[in-house]
C-alpha atoms as a PDB file:
ATOM      1  CA  MET A   1     -55.111 -39.045 -22.452  1.00  0.00           C
ATOM      2  CA  ASN A   2     -52.405 -36.715 -24.016  1.00  0.00           C
ATOM      3  CA  SER A   3     -49.222 -38.192 -22.516  1.00  0.00           C
ATOM      4  CA  ARG A   4     -46.479 -36.105 -24.369  1.00  0.00           C
ATOM      5  CA  GLN A   5     -44.770 -33.433 -22.537  1.00  0.00           C
ATOM      6  CA  LYS A   6     -44.456 -29.746 -23.458  1.00  0.00           C
ATOM      7  CA  GLY A   7     -40.486 -29.368 -24.305  1.00  0.00           C
ATOM      8  CA  PHE A   8     -39.349 -25.361 -24.106  1.00  0.00           C
ATOM      9  CA  THR A   9     -39.546 -23.419 -27.226  1.00  0.00           C
ATOM     10  CA  LEU A  10     -36.648 -21.748 -29.124  1.00  0.00           C
ATOM     11  CA  ILE A  11     -37.715 -18.232 -28.092  1.00  0.00           C
ATOM     12  CA  GLU A  12     -38.028 -19.848 -24.547  1.00  0.00           C
ATOM     13  CA  ILE A  13     -34.330 -20.716 -24.386  1.00  0.00           C
ATOM     14  CA  ALA A  14     -33.078 -17.788 -25.824  1.00  0.00           C
ATOM     15  CA  ILE A  15     -34.584 -15.968 -23.163  1.00  0.00           C
ATOM     16  CA  VAL A  16     -32.987 -18.096 -20.401  1.00  0.00           C
ATOM     17  CA  LEU A  17     -29.742 -17.551 -21.807  1.00  0.00           C
ATOM     18  CA  VAL A  18     -29.900 -13.712 -22.595  1.00  0.00           C
ATOM     19  CA  ILE A  19     -31.149 -13.801 -18.703  1.00  0.00           C
ATOM     20  CA  ILE A  20     -27.953 -15.760 -17.912  1.00  0.00           C
ATOM     21  CA  GLY A  21     -25.810 -13.449 -20.067  1.00  0.00           C
ATOM     22  CA  LEU A  22     -26.893 -10.372 -18.659  1.00  0.00           C
ATOM     23  CA  LEU A  23     -26.636 -12.026 -14.704  1.00  0.00           C
ATOM     24  CA  LEU A  24     -23.058 -12.843 -15.715  1.00  0.00           C
ATOM     25  CA  GLY A  25     -22.230  -9.547 -17.221  1.00  0.00           C
ATOM     26  CA  GLY A  26     -23.444  -7.901 -13.760  1.00  0.00           C
ATOM     27  CA  VAL A  27     -21.192 -10.106 -11.485  1.00  0.00           C
ATOM     28  CA  LEU A  28     -18.359  -9.242 -13.958  1.00  0.00           C
ATOM     29  CA  LYS A  29     -19.138  -5.600 -14.040  1.00  0.00           C
ATOM     30  CA  GLY A  30     -19.350  -5.518 -10.286  1.00  0.00           C
ATOM     31  CA  GLN A  31     -16.326  -7.589 -10.085  1.00  0.00           C
ATOM     32  CA  GLU A  32     -14.731  -4.795 -12.512  1.00  0.00           C
ATOM     33  CA  LEU A  33     -16.204  -1.540 -10.045  1.00  0.00           C
ATOM     34  CA  ILE A  34     -15.194  -3.349  -7.025  1.00  0.00           C
ATOM     35  CA  THR A  35     -11.298  -3.848  -8.395  1.00  0.00           C
ATOM     36  CA  GLY A  36     -11.460  -0.245  -9.555  1.00  0.00           C
ATOM     37  CA  ALA A  37     -12.359   0.969  -6.098  1.00  0.00           C
ATOM     38  CA  ARG A  38      -9.652  -0.590  -4.153  1.00  0.00           C
ATOM     39  CA  VAL A  39      -7.097   0.554  -7.411  1.00  0.00           C
ATOM     40  CA  ARG A  40      -7.935   4.061  -6.141  1.00  0.00           C
ATOM     41  CA  ASN A  41      -8.074   3.433  -2.323  1.00  0.00           C
ATOM     42  CA  PHE A  42      -4.440   2.627  -2.998  1.00  0.00           C
ATOM     43  CA  ILE A  43      -3.264   5.145  -5.159  1.00  0.00           C
ATOM     44  CA  GLN A  44      -5.235   8.039  -2.655  1.00  0.00           C
ATOM     45  CA  GLN A  45      -3.696   6.218   0.194  1.00  0.00           C
ATOM     46  CA  GLN A  46      -0.164   6.368  -1.341  1.00  0.00           C
ATOM     47  CA  ASP A  47      -0.695  10.120  -2.517  1.00  0.00           C
ATOM     48  CA  GLY A  48      -1.692  11.111   0.738  1.00  0.00           C
ATOM     49  CA  ILE A  49       1.379   9.748   2.819  1.00  0.00           C
ATOM     50  CA  LYS A  50       3.421  11.045  -0.108  1.00  0.00           C
ATOM     51  CA  ALA A  51       2.200  14.536   0.240  1.00  0.00           C
ATOM     52  CA  ALA A  52       2.262  14.299   4.497  1.00  0.00           C
ATOM     53  CA  TYR A  53       6.048  13.502   3.655  1.00  0.00           C
ATOM     54  CA  PHE A  54       6.670  16.615   1.546  1.00  0.00           C
ATOM     55  CA  GLY A  55       4.408  18.434   3.800  1.00  0.00           C
ATOM     56  CA  PHE A  56       6.497  17.533   7.012  1.00  0.00           C
ATOM     57  CA  LEU A  57       9.584  18.086   5.666  1.00  0.00           C
ATOM     58  CA  ASP A  58       8.660  21.561   4.280  1.00  0.00           C
ATOM     59  CA  ARG A  59       7.496  22.820   7.551  1.00  0.00           C
ATOM     60  CA  TYR A  60       9.995  21.559   9.947  1.00  0.00           C
ATOM     61  CA  ARG A  61      13.184  21.064   7.401  1.00  0.00           C
ATOM     62  CA  ALA A  62      13.433  17.555   8.545  1.00  0.00           C
ATOM     63  CA  LEU A  63      11.847  14.196   7.638  1.00  0.00           C
ATOM     64  CA  PRO A  64       9.332  12.322   9.849  1.00  0.00           C
ATOM     65  CA  GLY A  65      10.654   9.556  12.392  1.00  0.00           C
ATOM     66  CA  ASP A  66      14.209  11.169  11.221  1.00  0.00           C
ATOM     67  CA  TYR A  67      13.157  14.596  12.974  1.00  0.00           C
ATOM     68  CA  SER A  68      15.613  15.045  16.134  1.00  0.00           C
ATOM     69  CA  GLN A  69      13.843  17.662  17.865  1.00  0.00           C
ATOM     70  CA  ALA A  70       9.982  16.317  17.403  1.00  0.00           C
ATOM     71  CA  VAL A  71       9.868  15.578  21.157  1.00  0.00           C
ATOM     72  CA  ALA A  72      10.209  19.651  22.144  1.00  0.00           C
ATOM     73  CA  ASN A  73       8.184  20.703  18.652  1.00  0.00           C
ATOM     74  CA  ILE A  74       5.361  18.320  17.947  1.00  0.00           C
ATOM     75  CA  THR A  75       2.745  18.272  20.785  1.00  0.00           C
ATOM     76  CA  GLY A  76       2.018  14.599  22.072  1.00  0.00           C
ATOM     77  CA  VAL A  77       5.295  12.753  20.912  1.00  0.00           C
ATOM     78  CA  LEU A  78       6.429  10.472  23.655  1.00  0.00           C
ATOM     79  CA  GLU A  79       9.773  10.792  25.346  1.00  0.00           C
ATOM     80  CA  THR A  80       9.203   7.258  26.778  1.00  0.00           C
ATOM     81  CA  SER A  81       7.924   5.767  23.234  1.00  0.00           C
ATOM     82  CA  GLY A  82      11.657   3.514  23.109  1.00  0.00           C
ATOM     83  CA  CYS A  83      11.872   4.936  19.335  1.00  0.00           C
ATOM     84  CA  GLY A  84      14.106   7.084  17.512  1.00  0.00           C
ATOM     85  CA  LYS A  85      17.273   7.775  19.122  1.00  0.00           C
ATOM     86  CA  THR A  86      18.077   6.348  22.381  1.00  0.00           C
ATOM     87  CA  GLY A  87      14.275   5.420  22.554  1.00  0.00           C
ATOM     88  CA  THR A  88      13.629   9.439  23.106  1.00  0.00           C
ATOM     89  CA  GLY A  89      10.999   9.473  20.510  1.00  0.00           C
ATOM     90  CA  ASP A  90      13.593  11.839  18.709  1.00  0.00           C
ATOM     91  CA  GLY A  91      14.959  10.678  15.453  1.00  0.00           C
ATOM     92  CA  ASP A  92      18.843  10.998  14.920  1.00  0.00           C
ATOM     93  CA  GLY A  93      18.856  13.399  12.014  1.00  0.00           C
ATOM     94  CA  ASP A  94      20.961  11.850   9.789  1.00  0.00           C
ATOM     95  CA  GLY A  95      18.685  12.433   7.040  1.00  0.00           C
ATOM     96  CA  GLN A  96      17.402   8.869   6.326  1.00  0.00           C
ATOM     97  CA  ILE A  97      14.223   7.181   8.249  1.00  0.00           C
ATOM     98  CA  GLY A  98      15.807   3.808   9.170  1.00  0.00           C
ATOM     99  CA  SER A  99      14.674   1.015  10.787  1.00  0.00           C
ATOM    100  CA  ALA A 100      17.414   0.310  13.112  1.00  0.00           C
ATOM    101  CA  THR A 101      16.273   2.700  15.716  1.00  0.00           C
ATOM    102  CA  PHE A 102      12.627   2.118  14.273  1.00  0.00           C
ATOM    103  CA  GLU A 103      12.315   5.648  12.927  1.00  0.00           C
ATOM    104  CA  ASN A 104      10.049   3.924  10.374  1.00  0.00           C
ATOM    105  CA  ILE A 105       7.549   3.168  12.832  1.00  0.00           C
ATOM    106  CA  LEU A 106       8.246   6.626  14.584  1.00  0.00           C
ATOM    107  CA  VAL A 107       7.575   7.902  11.287  1.00  0.00           C
ATOM    108  CA  TRP A 108       3.678   7.697  12.120  1.00  0.00           C
ATOM    109  CA  GLU A 109       3.576   9.051  15.530  1.00  0.00           C
ATOM    110  CA  HIS A 110       5.428  12.045  14.079  1.00  0.00           C
ATOM    111  CA  LEU A 111       2.958  12.432  10.922  1.00  0.00           C
ATOM    112  CA  SER A 112      -0.110  12.010  13.033  1.00  0.00           C
ATOM    113  CA  LYS A 113       1.142  13.959  15.825  1.00  0.00           C
ATOM    114  CA  SER A 114       2.121  16.830  13.395  1.00  0.00           C
ATOM    115  CA  GLY A 115      -1.383  16.762  11.781  1.00  0.00           C
ATOM    116  CA  PHE A 116      -0.173  15.595   8.375  1.00  0.00           C
ATOM    117  CA  ILE A 117      -2.147  12.523   8.616  1.00  0.00           C
ATOM    118  CA  ASN A 118      -5.486  11.266  10.060  1.00  0.00           C
ATOM    119  CA  GLY A 119      -5.592   8.636  13.193  1.00  0.00           C
ATOM    120  CA  SER A 120      -3.450   8.470  16.100  1.00  0.00           C
ATOM    121  CA  TYR A 121      -0.110   6.523  15.926  1.00  0.00           C
ATOM    122  CA  THR A 122       1.927   5.642  18.976  1.00  0.00           C
ATOM    123  CA  CYS A 123       5.672   4.202  17.915  1.00  0.00           C
ATOM    124  CA  ALA A 124       7.043   1.318  20.593  1.00  0.00           C
ATOM    125  CA  LYS A 125       9.608  -1.406  19.691  1.00  0.00           C
ATOM    126  CA  THR A 126       7.315  -4.204  20.085  1.00  0.00           C
ATOM    127  CA  ALA A 127       4.764  -5.195  16.969  1.00  0.00           C
ATOM    128  CA  THR A 128       2.095  -5.898  19.180  1.00  0.00           C
ATOM    129  CA  SER A 129       2.269  -2.203  21.075  1.00  0.00           C
ATOM    130  CA  ALA A 130       3.415   0.058  18.206  1.00  0.00           C
ATOM    131  CA  THR A 131       0.260   1.151  15.891  1.00  0.00           C
ATOM    132  CA  SER A 132       0.716   1.959  11.943  1.00  0.00           C
ATOM    133  CA  PRO A 133      -1.511   2.814   8.993  1.00  0.00           C
ATOM    134  CA  SER A 134      -2.648  -0.054   7.348  1.00  0.00           C
ATOM    135  CA  ASN A 135      -3.575  -1.444   3.505  1.00  0.00           C
ATOM    136  CA  PRO A 136      -7.044  -2.361   2.929  1.00  0.00           C
ATOM    137  CA  TYR A 137      -5.909  -6.008   3.443  1.00  0.00           C
ATOM    138  CA  GLY A 138      -4.524  -5.453   7.189  1.00  0.00           C
ATOM    139  CA  SER A 139      -1.082  -5.154   6.487  1.00  0.00           C
ATOM    140  CA  VAL A 140       0.808  -2.326   8.024  1.00  0.00           C
ATOM    141  CA  LEU A 141       2.474   0.216   5.590  1.00  0.00           C
ATOM    142  CA  ASN A 142       6.027   0.665   5.986  1.00  0.00           C
ATOM    143  CA  LEU A 143       7.892   4.312   5.029  1.00  0.00           C
ATOM    144  CA  VAL A 144      12.172   3.740   5.219  1.00  0.00           C
ATOM    145  CA  TYR A 145      15.080   4.335   3.823  1.00  0.00           C
ATOM    146  CA  ASP A 146      16.339   1.430   1.889  1.00  0.00           C
ATOM    147  CA  ASP A 147      17.171  -0.405  -1.274  1.00  0.00           C
ATOM    148  CA  GLY A 148      14.280  -3.102  -1.034  1.00  0.00           C
ATOM    149  CA  PHE A 149      12.964  -2.556  -4.513  1.00  0.00           C
ATOM    150  CA  GLN A 150      13.376  -4.106  -8.312  1.00  0.00           C
ATOM    151  CA  GLY A 151      15.761  -2.174 -10.225  1.00  0.00           C
ATOM    152  CA  ALA A 152      19.159  -2.685 -12.031  1.00  0.00           C
ATOM    153  CA  GLY A 153      22.205  -0.518 -10.578  1.00  0.00           C
ATOM    154  CA  LYS A 154      19.631   0.838  -7.780  1.00  0.00           C
ATOM    155  CA  ALA A 155      20.672   2.782  -4.839  1.00  0.00           C
ATOM    156  CA  SER A 156      18.974   3.202  -1.226  1.00  0.00           C
ATOM    157  CA  ARG A 157      16.691   5.757  -1.044  1.00  0.00           C
ATOM    158  CA  HIS A 158      12.957   6.637   0.765  1.00  0.00           C
ATOM    159  CA  ASN A 159      10.007   4.380  -0.251  1.00  0.00           C
ATOM    160  CA  LEU A 160       6.991   3.614   1.036  1.00  0.00           C
ATOM    161  CA  LYS A 161       6.059  -0.270   1.059  1.00  0.00           C
ATOM    162  CA  THR A 162       2.081  -0.872   0.562  1.00  0.00           C
ATOM    163  CA  GLY A 163       2.182  -4.000   3.155  1.00  0.00           C
ATOM    164  CA  GLY A 164       1.671  -7.603   1.981  1.00  0.00           C
ATOM    165  CA  GLN A 165      -1.693  -9.426   1.558  1.00  0.00           C
ATOM    166  CA  VAL A 166      -2.361  -7.457  -2.022  1.00  0.00           C
ATOM    167  CA  PRO A 167      -3.433  -9.425  -5.160  1.00  0.00           C
ATOM    168  CA  SER A 168      -0.857  -9.308  -7.884  1.00  0.00           C
ATOM    169  CA  ASP A 169      -3.465  -7.848 -10.173  1.00  0.00           C
ATOM    170  CA  ILE A 170      -4.461  -4.991  -8.245  1.00  0.00           C
ATOM    171  CA  LEU A 171      -0.836  -3.620  -7.993  1.00  0.00           C
ATOM    172  CA  ALA A 172      -0.579  -4.102 -11.862  1.00  0.00           C
ATOM    173  CA  GLU A 173      -3.488  -1.747 -12.101  1.00  0.00           C
ATOM    174  CA  ILE A 174      -1.820   0.579  -9.687  1.00  0.00           C
ATOM    175  CA  ASP A 175       1.255   0.370 -11.660  1.00  0.00           C
ATOM    176  CA  ARG A 176      -0.275   1.166 -14.884  1.00  0.00           C
ATOM    177  CA  LYS A 177      -2.073   3.997 -13.530  1.00  0.00           C
ATOM    178  CA  VAL A 178       0.283   5.710 -11.629  1.00  0.00           C
ATOM    179  CA  ASP A 179       3.510   4.504 -13.356  1.00  0.00           C
ATOM    180  CA  ASP A 180       4.730   2.657 -16.615  1.00  0.00           C
ATOM    181  CA  GLY A 181       3.386  -0.906 -15.392  1.00  0.00           C
ATOM    182  CA  ASN A 182       6.724  -2.154 -15.396  1.00  0.00           C
ATOM    183  CA  PRO A 183       7.298  -3.565 -11.805  1.00  0.00           C
ATOM    184  CA  THR A 184      11.074  -3.437 -12.643  1.00  0.00           C
ATOM    185  CA  GLN A 185      11.908   0.121 -12.865  1.00  0.00           C
ATOM    186  CA  GLY A 186       9.903   3.719 -12.540  1.00  0.00           C
ATOM    187  CA  SER A 187       8.285   5.123  -9.460  1.00  0.00           C
ATOM    188  CA  PHE A 188       5.982   1.865  -8.364  1.00  0.00           C
ATOM    189  CA  ARG A 189       8.079  -1.324  -8.349  1.00  0.00           C
ATOM    190  CA  ALA A 190       7.998  -4.562  -6.824  1.00  0.00           C
ATOM    191  CA  PRO A 191      10.491  -6.085  -3.872  1.00  0.00           C
ATOM    192  CA  ALA A 192      13.876  -7.009  -4.314  1.00  0.00           C
ATOM    193  CA  THR A 193      13.045 -10.333  -3.064  1.00  0.00           C
ATOM    194  CA  ALA A 194      11.360 -12.288  -5.941  1.00  0.00           C
ATOM    195  CA  ASN A 195       8.370 -13.899  -5.772  1.00  0.00           C
ATOM    196  CA  ALA A 196       7.403 -15.506  -8.632  1.00  0.00           C
ATOM    197  CA  ALA A 197       3.648 -15.569  -7.624  1.00  0.00           C
ATOM    198  CA  CYS A 198       3.550 -12.194  -8.062  1.00  0.00           C
ATOM    199  CA  PHE A 199       5.852 -10.580 -10.381  1.00  0.00           C
ATOM    200  CA  ALA A 200       8.775 -11.573 -13.333  1.00  0.00           C
ATOM    201  CA  THR A 201       9.595  -9.180 -15.951  1.00  0.00           C
ATOM    202  CA  ALA A 202       5.589  -7.982 -15.246  1.00  0.00           C
ATOM    203  CA  TRP A 203       3.188  -8.075 -12.840  1.00  0.00           C
ATOM    204  CA  VAL A 204       1.826 -11.908 -12.515  1.00  0.00           C
ATOM    205  CA  THR A 205      -2.232 -11.376 -13.450  1.00  0.00           C
ATOM    206  CA  ASN A 206      -3.465 -14.940 -14.904  1.00  0.00           C
ATOM    207  CA  PRO A 207      -4.329 -15.928 -11.952  1.00  0.00           C
ATOM    208  CA  PRO A 208      -2.893 -13.009  -9.622  1.00  0.00           C
ATOM    209  CA  GLY A 209      -0.479 -13.924  -6.892  1.00  0.00           C
ATOM    210  CA  PRO A 210      -2.549 -13.359  -3.500  1.00  0.00           C
ATOM    211  CA  ASN A 211       0.214 -12.091  -0.916  1.00  0.00           C
ATOM    212  CA  CYS A 212       1.922  -9.526  -2.838  1.00  0.00           C
ATOM    213  CA  GLU A 213       3.529  -5.905  -2.283  1.00  0.00           C
ATOM    214  CA  GLY A 214       4.063  -2.725  -4.006  1.00  0.00           C
ATOM    215  CA  ILE A 215       6.687   0.057  -3.132  1.00  0.00           C
ATOM    216  CA  THR A 216       6.561   3.895  -4.062  1.00  0.00           C
ATOM    217  CA  LEU A 217       9.243   5.517  -4.678  1.00  0.00           C
ATOM    218  CA  PHE A 218       9.962   9.388  -3.010  1.00  0.00           C
END
């Protein structure tokens, strides 16, 4: 009786290694495609809101959220929303989308009910009642006038915050595609509050921070 066990030949081992390599390559390529799709979605969302902002400004000669005649001129804006100047649904018309009067939440109601963005959004003083657009990771966007972004000698300006929960490698790729790749300058930046897991002089990508935010300046 022949008790010798037959082992794998070099050709069989080579074939197995090739298959493993192909599988790993497919997984990595799939991850790359998913990342690319997420980056494109973010860029499209940011560009769409930026276009809506300037479209609203062109039509009404006022800023969304800050528009002082919104209730009279935009069908469906709630006069009793509690947002805006004295809670009327109108902005205070000072040329700034402020947060003190909830104009940064009212902005979505003005944009959606005037037809500049899809969806139906309603402003309210309580976060559980207000509705705002969200990023692909479930965090709400914030369009506001402030100086809460990176940069030396900066002044307050209107900006769109992506919301949190975004991996920093996604933000790094967005920055490379739409700006200069530097989170401290240009039109796409990191928040003013330092988060070492997300950025320093550059976006952290290895390993990426899991709960980061980017800001598009207008």
